Amino acid sequence: MSIYNYKQRNIIVLAILIILGCFILYSLRTIAGSLLSTIVLYTIFRPVFLHMIGPWNMKRWLAAIIIIVLSLVIIVLPFLALSLMVISKITEFNQDPMRIKVIMQKIDDFAGSELNQPDLLDKGLGKLNTLAAELFPSILGGAASVFLGLLVMYFLLYFMFVTYEEFEGGLLKYAPFNEQNAIRFATELKTTTYSNVLGQGCIAIVQGALVSLTFFAFGVRDPIFWGVISTFLSFLPVVGAPVVFVPAALIELANGNSTAGWGILLVGFIIITNIDNVLRLLIAKRVADTHPIITVVGVIIGIPVFGIIGLVFGPLLLSYFILTIRIYETSKLASERLERIKSVEDE
């Protein structure tokens, strides 16, 4: 058989692989969040798993199950608890619509007379409704898709841990980089994941706790609930926590509680928002810090696709994309350098 026929067959096989690959990717779009969650959890808990099967001499299947339970308690349950809290709060508001109307009227009057913004509440509520609809699609979609996503995620995670040597060997074998760049990519992938998930998570938890303490100190109702909401919104740099404490302060001012209103604003803008910058400096010394622009753009990309977990996965995906571009540029420069050296030697 001629070389031409071999090349023709290879082109046909490559075309078939591309078509099948696109079809598979399109079919997997509904569990994209589960696949990304699996990668994130594997990256975070891999050192723990290796320690459990190494120094602790634990069976792989047992270590994998313990990590699954641990991640379920630490990471997954808070998201589910937040959804339940939001549902409960919405139900509470629906049962007492008159109280909500009175509060809204007071805020409108205060914004019109003191801030010269008579339509401030209507504009804010419109944006808030849009954000809530994108953040909590599972409330409308039901628990079935959430359960399926968790099942797929932990099924994949279990076998990735139990066969981690084969899994990582396959990644190195089929990676579009040479071995050195593939290892570098894996190292930076780990650092990027730690920065986005653990670093941003630490900042969000601290800001959420400060919001709860501030609300409790000034007598705002449901401080724990609003602190939890602030924790998730704090993944948005600068604007996250103020989305919660600024309306709360306006409500207190509209009710005539000047001390509480101005106190919340002062604590919010002096301490809560600035603690973000302090923690970022500390995190940058331990792991790579994520630039706020990447975080904001990533959230804009992630929320419509992943819902509330898009607060984490959006910036993570964008960071992965930028990291891939950097590795590609490094590989390209190395290849061009080798070609120049080879051409000089041939001359």
Protein backbone atom coordinates (compact mmCIF):
# COMPACT_ATOMS: atom_id res chain seq x y z
CA MET A 1 0.00 0.00 0.00
CA SER A 2 1.38 3.43 -0.96
CA ILE A 3 2.39 6.12 1.53
CA TYR A 4 -0.37 8.29 0.06
CA ASN A 5 -3.02 5.74 1.05
CA TYR A 6 -1.61 5.56 4.59
CA LYS A 7 -1.75 9.34 4.88
CA GLN A 8 -5.27 9.36 3.49
CA ARG A 9 -6.39 6.77 6.01
CA ASN A 10 -4.76 8.66 8.87
CA ILE A 11 -6.56 11.85 7.84
CA ILE A 12 -9.89 9.98 7.75
CA VAL A 13 -9.25 8.42 11.18
CA LEU A 14 -8.27 11.83 12.58
CA ALA A 15 -11.44 13.39 11.18
CA ILE A 16 -13.54 10.61 12.74
CA LEU A 17 -11.81 11.13 16.10
CA ILE A 18 -12.47 14.88 15.97
CA ILE A 19 -16.15 14.36 15.11
CA LEU A 20 -16.60 11.76 17.85
CA GLY A 21 -14.70 13.92 20.33
CA CYS A 22 -16.93 16.92 19.61
CA PHE A 23 -20.03 14.73 19.96
CA ILE A 24 -18.80 13.35 23.30
CA LEU A 25 -17.96 16.82 24.61
CA TYR A 26 -21.40 18.07 23.57
CA SER A 27 -23.03 15.10 25.32
CA LEU A 28 -21.04 15.76 28.50
CA ARG A 29 -22.04 19.43 28.70
CA THR A 30 -24.71 18.69 31.33
CA ILE A 31 -22.11 17.24 33.74
CA ALA A 32 -19.35 19.74 32.99
CA GLY A 33 -19.60 21.03 36.54
CA SER A 34 -19.19 17.51 37.93
CA LEU A 35 -16.11 16.88 35.78
CA LEU A 36 -14.49 20.14 36.84
CA SER A 37 -15.41 19.47 40.47
CA THR A 38 -13.70 16.09 40.25
CA ILE A 39 -10.48 17.69 38.98
CA VAL A 40 -10.57 20.33 41.72
CA LEU A 41 -11.19 17.82 44.52
CA TYR A 42 -8.50 15.46 43.18
CA THR A 43 -5.97 18.32 43.09
CA ILE A 44 -6.83 19.51 46.61
CA PHE A 45 -6.98 16.12 48.32
CA ARG A 46 -4.17 14.33 46.43
CA PRO A 47 -1.49 15.18 49.05
CA VAL A 48 -3.83 13.92 51.78
CA PHE A 49 -4.47 10.69 49.87
CA LEU A 50 -0.75 10.05 49.29
CA HIS A 51 -0.06 10.63 52.99
CA MET A 52 -2.83 8.21 53.97
CA ILE A 53 -1.59 5.36 51.73
CA GLY A 54 2.08 6.16 52.44
CA PRO A 55 3.06 6.89 56.05
CA TRP A 56 -0.29 5.68 57.40
CA ASN A 57 -0.21 2.52 55.22
CA MET A 58 -3.95 2.69 54.56
CA LYS A 59 -5.75 0.75 51.84
CA ARG A 60 -6.41 2.81 48.73
CA TRP A 61 -10.14 2.15 48.65
CA LEU A 62 -10.49 3.11 52.32
CA ALA A 63 -8.47 6.30 51.90
CA ALA A 64 -10.58 7.26 48.88
CA ILE A 65 -13.83 6.72 50.79
CA ILE A 66 -12.59 8.76 53.78
CA ILE A 67 -11.63 11.64 51.46
CA ILE A 68 -15.03 11.46 49.75
CA VAL A 69 -16.83 11.70 53.09
CA LEU A 70 -14.49 14.49 54.23
CA SER A 71 -15.04 16.54 51.06
CA LEU A 72 -18.79 15.97 51.33
CA VAL A 73 -18.85 17.44 54.83
CA ILE A 74 -16.43 20.32 54.21
CA ILE A 75 -17.32 21.43 50.67
CA VAL A 76 -20.60 20.00 49.38
CA LEU A 77 -22.86 20.26 52.43
CA PRO A 78 -22.31 24.04 52.88
CA PHE A 79 -23.57 24.65 49.33
CA LEU A 80 -26.63 22.49 49.96
CA ALA A 81 -27.21 24.19 53.31
CA LEU A 82 -27.04 27.60 51.62
CA SER A 83 -29.71 26.57 49.10
CA LEU A 84 -31.97 25.36 51.92
CA MET A 85 -31.42 28.59 53.85
CA VAL A 86 -32.32 30.67 50.81
CA ILE A 87 -35.47 28.60 50.21
CA SER A 88 -36.44 29.04 53.86
CA LYS A 89 -35.87 32.80 53.72
CA ILE A 90 -37.88 33.16 50.50
CA THR A 91 -40.73 31.22 52.12
CA GLU A 92 -40.56 33.50 55.16
CA PHE A 93 -40.75 36.60 52.97
CA ASN A 94 -43.72 35.19 51.05
CA GLN A 95 -45.60 34.52 54.30
CA ASP A 96 -45.21 38.13 55.45
CA PRO A 97 -45.37 40.33 52.33
CA MET A 98 -46.65 43.37 54.25
CA ARG A 99 -43.43 43.62 56.30
CA ILE A 100 -41.39 43.57 53.10
CA LYS A 101 -43.54 46.31 51.54
CA VAL A 102 -43.10 48.51 54.63
CA ILE A 103 -39.31 48.04 54.57
CA MET A 104 -39.17 48.78 50.83
CA GLN A 105 -41.24 51.94 51.27
CA LYS A 106 -38.97 53.17 54.08
CA ILE A 107 -35.87 52.57 51.97
CA ASP A 108 -37.45 54.37 49.01
CA ASP A 109 -38.32 57.35 51.19
CA PHE A 110 -34.83 57.45 52.74
CA ALA A 111 -33.05 57.08 49.36
CA GLY A 112 -35.22 59.79 47.83
CA SER A 113 -34.84 62.34 50.62
CA GLU A 114 -31.29 61.71 51.84
CA LEU A 115 -29.50 60.25 48.80
CA ASN A 116 -31.54 61.85 46.00
CA GLN A 117 -32.04 58.37 44.50
CA PRO A 118 -35.80 57.71 44.53
CA ASP A 119 -35.52 54.66 42.25
CA LEU A 120 -32.51 53.15 44.02
CA LEU A 121 -34.43 50.19 45.46
CA ASP A 122 -36.19 49.26 42.23
CA LYS A 123 -32.91 49.21 40.33
CA GLY A 124 -31.19 47.23 43.08
CA LEU A 125 -33.98 44.66 43.35
CA GLY A 126 -33.99 44.12 39.60
CA LYS A 127 -30.29 43.36 39.59
CA LEU A 128 -30.62 41.23 42.73
CA ASN A 129 -33.41 39.13 41.20
CA THR A 130 -31.30 38.49 38.11
CA LEU A 131 -28.30 37.52 40.24
CA ALA A 132 -30.38 35.23 42.46
CA ALA A 133 -31.91 33.46 39.45
CA GLU A 134 -28.43 32.74 38.09
CA LEU A 135 -26.87 31.82 41.44
CA PHE A 136 -29.52 29.36 42.57
CA PRO A 137 -30.85 27.51 39.50
CA SER A 138 -31.00 24.30 41.55
CA ILE A 139 -33.85 25.79 43.57
CA LEU A 140 -35.97 25.79 40.44
CA GLY A 141 -34.47 22.73 38.80
CA GLY A 142 -34.92 20.39 41.75
CA ALA A 143 -32.57 18.06 43.58
CA ALA A 144 -32.39 15.34 40.92
CA SER A 145 -29.69 17.07 38.83
CA VAL A 146 -27.70 17.90 41.99
CA PHE A 147 -27.81 14.28 43.13
CA LEU A 148 -26.77 13.02 39.68
CA GLY A 149 -23.88 15.50 39.56
CA LEU A 150 -22.63 14.41 42.99
CA LEU A 151 -22.93 10.75 42.03
CA VAL A 152 -20.88 11.24 38.86
CA MET A 153 -18.31 13.39 40.65
CA TYR A 154 -17.64 10.94 43.48
CA PHE A 155 -17.74 7.90 41.18
CA LEU A 156 -14.96 9.44 39.06
CA LEU A 157 -13.06 10.70 42.10
CA TYR A 158 -13.02 7.26 43.73
CA PHE A 159 -11.46 5.53 40.71
CA MET A 160 -9.06 8.42 40.08
CA PHE A 161 -7.66 7.94 43.59
CA VAL A 162 -7.65 4.13 43.58
CA THR A 163 -5.83 4.04 40.21
CA TYR A 164 -3.98 7.32 40.57
CA GLU A 165 -0.72 6.00 39.10
CA GLU A 166 -2.39 4.85 35.87
CA PHE A 167 -4.48 8.04 35.75
CA GLU A 168 -1.51 10.39 36.11
CA GLY A 169 0.62 8.26 33.78
CA GLY A 170 -2.09 8.52 31.12
CA LEU A 171 -2.22 12.28 31.53
CA LEU A 172 1.54 12.55 31.02
CA LYS A 173 1.40 10.22 28.02
CA TYR A 174 -1.38 12.02 26.17
CA ALA A 175 -0.61 15.59 27.28
CA PRO A 176 -0.01 17.95 24.34
CA PHE A 177 3.29 19.04 25.95
CA ASN A 178 6.62 17.37 26.52
CA GLU A 179 7.15 15.71 29.89
CA GLN A 180 8.95 18.69 31.43
CA ASN A 181 6.21 21.16 30.47
CA ALA A 182 3.51 18.65 31.46
CA ILE A 183 4.99 18.39 34.97
CA ARG A 184 5.29 22.17 35.13
CA PHE A 185 1.66 22.48 34.02
CA ALA A 186 0.58 20.06 36.75
CA THR A 187 2.53 22.02 39.39
CA GLU A 188 1.07 25.37 38.35
CA LEU A 189 -2.37 23.79 38.05
CA LYS A 190 -2.10 22.76 41.68
CA THR A 191 -0.97 26.26 42.72
CA THR A 192 -3.76 27.91 40.72
CA THR A 193 -6.38 25.60 42.23
CA TYR A 194 -5.14 26.28 45.75
CA SER A 195 -5.20 30.03 45.10
CA ASN A 196 -8.73 30.08 43.67
CA VAL A 197 -10.37 27.53 45.95
CA LEU A 198 -8.48 27.62 49.26
CA GLY A 199 -7.21 31.20 49.07
CA GLN A 200 -10.45 32.78 47.92
CA GLY A 201 -12.37 30.46 50.24
CA CYS A 202 -10.36 31.69 53.23
CA ILE A 203 -11.05 35.33 52.32
CA ALA A 204 -14.75 34.62 51.83
CA ILE A 205 -15.10 32.82 55.17
CA VAL A 206 -13.37 35.64 57.06
CA GLN A 207 -15.51 38.31 55.42
CA GLY A 208 -18.69 36.31 56.01
CA ALA A 209 -17.79 35.85 59.68
CA LEU A 210 -17.12 39.59 60.06
CA VAL A 211 -20.49 40.42 58.47
CA SER A 212 -22.22 38.05 60.93
CA LEU A 213 -20.42 39.57 63.93
CA THR A 214 -21.18 43.11 62.74
CA PHE A 215 -24.87 42.35 62.23
CA PHE A 216 -25.04 40.63 65.62
CA ALA A 217 -23.34 43.57 67.34
CA PHE A 218 -25.79 46.08 65.86
CA GLY A 219 -28.89 43.93 66.36
CA VAL A 220 -29.65 43.01 62.73
CA ARG A 221 -31.97 40.02 62.35
CA ASP A 222 -30.61 36.67 61.12
CA PRO A 223 -26.89 37.55 61.30
CA ILE A 224 -25.80 33.96 60.59
CA PHE A 225 -27.91 33.76 57.43
CA TRP A 226 -26.56 37.03 56.05
CA GLY A 227 -23.05 36.02 57.03
CA VAL A 228 -23.37 32.81 55.00
CA ILE A 229 -24.72 34.78 52.03
CA SER A 230 -21.78 37.19 52.38
CA THR A 231 -19.36 34.26 52.43
CA PHE A 232 -20.43 33.10 48.99
CA LEU A 233 -20.76 36.60 47.53
CA SER A 234 -17.29 37.46 48.86
CA PHE A 235 -15.79 35.39 46.05
CA LEU A 236 -16.50 38.59 44.11
CA PRO A 237 -13.64 40.94 45.06
CA VAL A 238 -14.52 44.43 46.39
CA VAL A 239 -18.25 44.26 45.56
CA GLY A 240 -19.16 40.96 47.26
CA ALA A 241 -19.72 41.78 50.93
CA PRO A 242 -21.09 45.31 50.32
CA VAL A 243 -24.00 43.74 48.42
CA VAL A 244 -25.15 42.48 51.85
CA PHE A 245 -24.08 45.08 54.43
CA VAL A 246 -24.95 48.23 52.43
CA PRO A 247 -28.68 47.34 52.05
CA ALA A 248 -28.73 46.28 55.71
CA ALA A 249 -27.30 49.66 56.72
CA LEU A 250 -29.86 51.49 54.55
CA ILE A 251 -32.68 49.53 56.21
CA GLU A 252 -31.41 50.49 59.65
CA LEU A 253 -31.11 54.14 58.62
CA ALA A 254 -34.60 54.06 57.10
CA ASN A 255 -35.93 52.66 60.40
CA GLY A 256 -34.31 55.53 62.30
CA ASN A 257 -31.47 53.44 63.78
CA SER A 258 -28.69 55.87 62.87
CA THR A 259 -26.12 54.27 65.18
CA ALA A 260 -26.61 50.82 63.69
CA GLY A 261 -26.81 52.11 60.11
CA TRP A 262 -23.68 54.24 60.18
CA GLY A 263 -21.88 51.69 62.35
CA ILE A 264 -22.47 48.92 59.79
CA LEU A 265 -21.28 51.17 56.98
CA LEU A 266 -18.12 52.20 58.86
CA VAL A 267 -17.20 48.65 59.89
CA GLY A 268 -18.09 47.37 56.43
CA PHE A 269 -15.99 49.80 54.40
CA ILE A 270 -13.11 50.19 56.85
CA ILE A 271 -12.63 46.61 58.07
CA ILE A 272 -14.64 44.06 56.05
CA THR A 273 -13.70 45.27 52.57
CA ASN A 274 -10.07 46.04 53.46
CA ILE A 275 -9.47 42.64 55.09
CA ASP A 276 -9.68 41.33 51.53
CA ASN A 277 -6.45 43.15 50.57
CA VAL A 278 -4.61 42.09 53.74
CA LEU A 279 -5.47 38.41 53.29
CA ARG A 280 -4.53 38.53 49.60
CA LEU A 281 -1.03 39.70 50.53
CA LEU A 282 -0.68 36.83 53.03
CA ILE A 283 -2.00 34.27 50.54
CA ALA A 284 0.29 35.55 47.78
CA LYS A 285 3.28 34.69 49.99
CA ARG A 286 2.16 31.06 50.28
CA VAL A 287 0.49 30.40 46.92
CA ALA A 288 -0.06 32.36 43.72
CA ASP A 289 -2.67 35.07 44.14
CA THR A 290 -5.46 35.41 41.58
CA HIS A 291 -5.76 38.84 40.00
CA PRO A 292 -9.12 40.54 40.74
CA ILE A 293 -9.76 41.05 37.00
CA ILE A 294 -9.52 37.28 36.44
CA THR A 295 -11.90 36.74 39.35
CA VAL A 296 -14.51 39.22 38.11
CA VAL A 297 -14.41 38.07 34.48
CA GLY A 298 -14.40 34.44 35.60
CA VAL A 299 -17.48 34.97 37.76
CA ILE A 300 -19.28 36.62 34.82
CA ILE A 301 -18.45 33.55 32.72
CA GLY A 302 -19.07 30.96 35.43
CA ILE A 303 -22.38 31.95 37.03
CA PRO A 304 -24.59 31.49 33.90
CA VAL A 305 -22.98 28.08 33.25
CA PHE A 306 -22.52 26.60 36.74
CA GLY A 307 -24.86 28.60 38.97
CA ILE A 308 -23.57 29.45 42.43
CA ILE A 309 -20.47 27.24 42.10
CA GLY A 310 -19.56 29.44 39.14
CA LEU A 311 -18.27 31.88 41.77
CA VAL A 312 -15.41 29.40 42.17
CA PHE A 313 -15.32 27.52 38.86
CA GLY A 314 -15.50 30.59 36.59
CA PRO A 315 -12.22 32.15 37.80
CA LEU A 316 -10.71 28.67 37.99
CA LEU A 317 -11.49 27.91 34.34
CA LEU A 318 -10.16 31.29 33.23
CA SER A 319 -6.98 30.73 35.26
CA TYR A 320 -6.55 27.29 33.66
CA PHE A 321 -6.99 28.85 30.21
CA ILE A 322 -4.36 31.53 30.87
CA LEU A 323 -2.03 28.89 32.32
CA THR A 324 -2.40 26.75 29.18
CA ILE A 325 -1.54 29.75 27.00
CA ARG A 326 1.60 30.39 29.04
CA ILE A 327 2.73 26.76 28.78
CA TYR A 328 2.02 26.80 25.03
CA GLU A 329 4.10 29.95 24.57
CA THR A 330 6.97 28.35 26.51
CA SER A 331 6.81 25.20 24.37
CA LYS A 332 6.65 27.26 21.19
CA LEU A 333 9.70 29.33 22.15
CA ALA A 334 11.65 26.19 23.07
CA SER A 335 10.74 24.57 19.75
CA GLU A 336 11.79 27.65 17.77
CA ARG A 337 15.08 27.79 19.68
CA LEU A 338 15.82 24.13 18.85
CA GLU A 339 15.01 24.75 15.18
CA ARG A 340 17.42 27.70 15.06
CA ILE A 341 20.17 25.65 16.72
CA LYS A 342 19.58 22.80 14.28
CA SER A 343 19.67 25.13 11.26
CA VAL A 344 22.97 26.64 12.48
CA GLU A 345 24.47 23.17 12.91
CA ASP A 346 23.33 22.13 9.42
CA GLU A 347 25.05 25.16 7.94
